[in-house]
C-alpha atoms as a PDB file:
ATOM      1  CA  MET A   1      89.338 181.801  70.962  1.00  0.00           C
ATOM      2  CA  GLU A   2      86.998 183.157  73.617  1.00  0.00           C
ATOM      3  CA  LEU A   3      84.375 180.732  74.898  1.00  0.00           C
ATOM      4  CA  ARG A   4      80.811 181.966  74.639  1.00  0.00           C
ATOM      5  CA  ARG A   5      78.940 182.174  77.891  1.00  0.00           C
ATOM      6  CA  ASN A   6      75.765 180.093  78.216  1.00  0.00           C
ATOM      7  CA  CYS A   7      72.426 181.744  78.815  1.00  0.00           C
ATOM      8  CA  LEU A   8      69.124 180.055  79.639  1.00  0.00           C
ATOM      9  CA  VAL A   9      65.881 181.934  78.991  1.00  0.00           C
ATOM     10  CA  ILE A  10      62.833 180.480  80.769  1.00  0.00           C
ATOM     11  CA  ASP A  11      59.422 181.833  79.735  1.00  0.00           C
ATOM     12  CA  ASP A  12      56.138 180.389  78.465  1.00  0.00           C
ATOM     13  CA  ASP A  13      55.297 183.552  76.514  1.00  0.00           C
ATOM     14  CA  LYS A  14      56.667 182.836  73.035  1.00  0.00           C
ATOM     15  CA  ILE A  15      57.065 186.523  72.153  1.00  0.00           C
ATOM     16  CA  ALA A  16      58.992 187.365  75.341  1.00  0.00           C
ATOM     17  CA  LEU A  17      61.059 184.190  74.943  1.00  0.00           C
ATOM     18  CA  LYS A  18      62.020 185.084  71.383  1.00  0.00           C
ATOM     19  CA  LEU A  19      62.780 188.701  72.318  1.00  0.00           C
ATOM     20  CA  ALA A  20      65.019 187.718  75.231  1.00  0.00           C
ATOM     21  CA  ALA A  21      66.766 184.968  73.276  1.00  0.00           C
ATOM     22  CA  SER A  22      67.448 187.365  70.407  1.00  0.00           C
ATOM     23  CA  CYS A  23      68.808 190.026  72.740  1.00  0.00           C
ATOM     24  CA  CYS A  24      71.083 187.560  74.549  1.00  0.00           C
ATOM     25  CA  HIS A  25      72.344 186.173  71.242  1.00  0.00           C
ATOM     26  CA  GLU A  26      73.168 189.709  70.053  1.00  0.00           C
ATOM     27  CA  LEU A  27      75.227 190.153  73.232  1.00  0.00           C
ATOM     28  CA  GLY A  28      77.364 187.175  72.217  1.00  0.00           C
ATOM     29  CA  LEU A  29      75.818 184.560  74.485  1.00  0.00           C
ATOM     30  CA  LYS A  30      75.098 180.971  73.525  1.00  0.00           C
ATOM     31  CA  VAL A  31      71.351 180.870  74.154  1.00  0.00           C
ATOM     32  CA  TYR A  32      69.225 177.948  75.278  1.00  0.00           C
ATOM     33  CA  ILE A  33      65.504 178.245  75.858  1.00  0.00           C
ATOM     34  CA  ALA A  34      62.903 176.511  77.986  1.00  0.00           C
ATOM     35  CA  ASP A  35      59.192 177.223  77.816  1.00  0.00           C
ATOM     36  CA  THR A  36      58.102 174.803  80.545  1.00  0.00           C
ATOM     37  CA  PRO A  37      59.375 174.194  84.068  1.00  0.00           C
ATOM     38  CA  THR A  38      60.317 170.625  83.075  1.00  0.00           C
ATOM     39  CA  GLU A  39      62.455 171.875  80.183  1.00  0.00           C
ATOM     40  CA  ALA A  40      64.071 174.425  82.513  1.00  0.00           C
ATOM     41  CA  VAL A  41      64.940 171.696  85.016  1.00  0.00           C
ATOM     42  CA  ASP A  42      66.388 169.510  82.265  1.00  0.00           C
ATOM     43  CA  GLU A  43      68.458 172.373  80.831  1.00  0.00           C
ATOM     44  CA  LEU A  44      69.789 173.438  84.226  1.00  0.00           C
ATOM     45  CA  LYS A  45      70.880 169.872  84.924  1.00  0.00           C
ATOM     46  CA  ARG A  46      72.447 169.488  81.461  1.00  0.00           C
ATOM     47  CA  ARG A  47      74.947 172.356  81.472  1.00  0.00           C
ATOM     48  CA  ARG A  48      76.323 175.264  83.457  1.00  0.00           C
ATOM     49  CA  TYR A  49      74.829 178.687  82.786  1.00  0.00           C
ATOM     50  CA  GLU A  50      76.426 182.041  83.450  1.00  0.00           C
ATOM     51  CA  LEU A  51      73.131 183.892  82.898  1.00  0.00           C
ATOM     52  CA  ILE A  52      69.592 182.744  83.642  1.00  0.00           C
ATOM     53  CA  VAL A  53      66.636 184.860  82.562  1.00  0.00           C
ATOM     54  CA  VAL A  54      63.435 183.580  84.189  1.00  0.00           C
ATOM     55  CA  ASP A  55      59.837 184.745  83.986  1.00  0.00           C
ATOM     56  CA  HIS A  56      57.937 185.257  87.221  1.00  0.00           C
ATOM     57  CA  HIS A  57      55.215 182.804  86.072  1.00  0.00           C
ATOM     58  CA  VAL A  58      55.895 179.799  83.838  1.00  0.00           C
ATOM     59  CA  HIS A  59      52.869 177.545  83.321  1.00  0.00           C
ATOM     60  CA  GLY A  60      51.547 178.170  86.821  1.00  0.00           C
ATOM     61  CA  ILE A  61      54.880 177.794  88.600  1.00  0.00           C
ATOM     62  CA  SER A  62      56.774 180.783  89.897  1.00  0.00           C
ATOM     63  CA  GLY A  63      60.314 181.520  88.867  1.00  0.00           C
ATOM     64  CA  CYS A  64      61.145 181.341  92.583  1.00  0.00           C
ATOM     65  CA  GLU A  65      59.999 177.722  92.683  1.00  0.00           C
ATOM     66  CA  ILE A  66      62.158 176.888  89.673  1.00  0.00           C
ATOM     67  CA  LEU A  67      65.174 178.547  91.288  1.00  0.00           C
ATOM     68  CA  ASP A  68      64.495 176.840  94.637  1.00  0.00           C
ATOM     69  CA  HIS A  69      64.177 173.434  93.013  1.00  0.00           C
ATOM     70  CA  LEU A  70      67.529 173.809  91.286  1.00  0.00           C
ATOM     71  CA  ARG A  71      69.468 175.915  93.755  1.00  0.00           C
ATOM     72  CA  SER A  72      72.644 173.840  93.356  1.00  0.00           C
ATOM     73  CA  HIS A  73      72.500 174.121  89.558  1.00  0.00           C
ATOM     74  CA  VAL A  74      72.152 177.917  89.424  1.00  0.00           C
ATOM     75  CA  ARG A  75      74.959 178.679  91.862  1.00  0.00           C
ATOM     76  CA  GLY A  76      77.221 181.341  90.404  1.00  0.00           C
ATOM     77  CA  ALA A  77      74.829 182.315  87.609  1.00  0.00           C
ATOM     78  CA  ALA A  78      73.651 185.872  87.142  1.00  0.00           C
ATOM     79  CA  ILE A  79      69.861 185.749  87.462  1.00  0.00           C
ATOM     80  CA  VAL A  80      67.484 188.156  85.730  1.00  0.00           C
ATOM     81  CA  VAL A  81      63.732 188.116  86.343  1.00  0.00           C
ATOM     82  CA  PHE A  82      60.952 189.129  83.914  1.00  0.00           C
ATOM     83  CA  THR A  83      57.854 190.336  85.703  1.00  0.00           C
ATOM     84  CA  SER A  84      55.076 192.865  85.637  1.00  0.00           C
ATOM     85  CA  ASP A  85      54.921 192.678  89.454  1.00  0.00           C
ATOM     86  CA  THR A  86      56.832 195.687  90.742  1.00  0.00           C
ATOM     87  CA  SER A  87      56.123 195.007  94.421  1.00  0.00           C
ATOM     88  CA  ASP A  88      58.914 195.132  96.967  1.00  0.00           C
ATOM     89  CA  ALA A  89      57.857 191.696  98.260  1.00  0.00           C
ATOM     90  CA  THR A  90      58.351 190.036  94.868  1.00  0.00           C
ATOM     91  CA  ARG A  91      61.649 191.796  94.367  1.00  0.00           C
ATOM     92  CA  ALA A  92      62.831 190.658  97.828  1.00  0.00           C
ATOM     93  CA  MET A  93      61.793 187.033  97.124  1.00  0.00           C
ATOM     94  CA  TYR A  94      63.965 186.931  94.037  1.00  0.00           C
ATOM     95  CA  GLU A  95      66.856 188.851  95.547  1.00  0.00           C
ATOM     96  CA  ALA A  96      66.945 186.261  98.350  1.00  0.00           C
ATOM     97  CA  ARG A  97      67.415 183.662  95.593  1.00  0.00           C
ATOM     98  CA  GLY A  98      70.232 185.564  93.910  1.00  0.00           C
ATOM     99  CA  ALA A  99      68.414 187.735  91.351  1.00  0.00           C
ATOM    100  CA  MET A 100      70.656 190.567  90.231  1.00  0.00           C
ATOM    101  CA  GLU A 101      68.391 192.419  87.805  1.00  0.00           C
ATOM    102  CA  PHE A 102      64.700 192.853  86.986  1.00  0.00           C
ATOM    103  CA  LEU A 103      63.132 193.477  83.602  1.00  0.00           C
ATOM    104  CA  TYR A 104      59.616 194.787  83.960  1.00  0.00           C
ATOM    105  CA  LYS A 105      56.929 193.973  81.437  1.00  0.00           C
ATOM    106  CA  PRO A 106      56.004 195.114  78.933  1.00  0.00           C
ATOM    107  CA  LEU A 107      59.496 194.337  77.686  1.00  0.00           C
ATOM    108  CA  SER A 108      61.351 196.557  75.263  1.00  0.00           C
ATOM    109  CA  LYS A 109      64.364 195.305  73.349  1.00  0.00           C
ATOM    110  CA  PRO A 110      66.474 198.470  73.906  1.00  0.00           C
ATOM    111  CA  ALA A 111      65.862 198.391  77.678  1.00  0.00           C
ATOM    112  CA  MET A 112      66.528 194.664  77.846  1.00  0.00           C
ATOM    113  CA  HIS A 113      69.702 194.995  75.793  1.00  0.00           C
ATOM    114  CA  PHE A 114      70.953 197.842  77.996  1.00  0.00           C
ATOM    115  CA  LYS A 115      70.235 196.080  81.314  1.00  0.00           C
ATOM    116  CA  LEU A 116      71.661 192.740  80.215  1.00  0.00           C
ATOM    117  CA  LYS A 117      74.810 194.336  78.811  1.00  0.00           C
ATOM    118  CA  MET A 118      75.338 196.279  82.051  1.00  0.00           C
ATOM    119  CA  LEU A 119      74.839 193.097  84.090  1.00  0.00           C
ATOM    120  CA  LEU A 120      77.204 191.058  81.929  1.00  0.00           C
ATOM    121  CA  ASP A 121      79.859 193.790  82.144  1.00  0.00           C
ATOM    122  CA  ARG A 122      79.438 193.814  85.938  1.00  0.00           C
ATOM    123  CA  VAL A 123      79.833 190.049  86.358  1.00  0.00           C
ATOM    124  CA  ALA A 124      82.564 189.547  83.739  1.00  0.00           C
END
């Protein structure tokens, strides 16, 4: 029996959270969600994740701050960032923290599914 890989989706936008969780579930991942930074911290301390999908802003805290705060807990995880900020500076900030893929808002399920599948195939 193949073990399902764990995925954590961190976003305070309920629609984006549900969309990402649904897409990850369809890709065969065991999905956990967090809609506050505190929940994200708790989840990241609770179990190991192979994929972390984080929004650029979660209740006033940047995804970078969440990743910085839990650097030791995200080691080895593939990191995907949701953002509407397409600037090179934002991209560089996340890449320095290990981000491997970016999903730009507004999100579409087909694009998200495609990018996440490609990423999971690459890191398998």
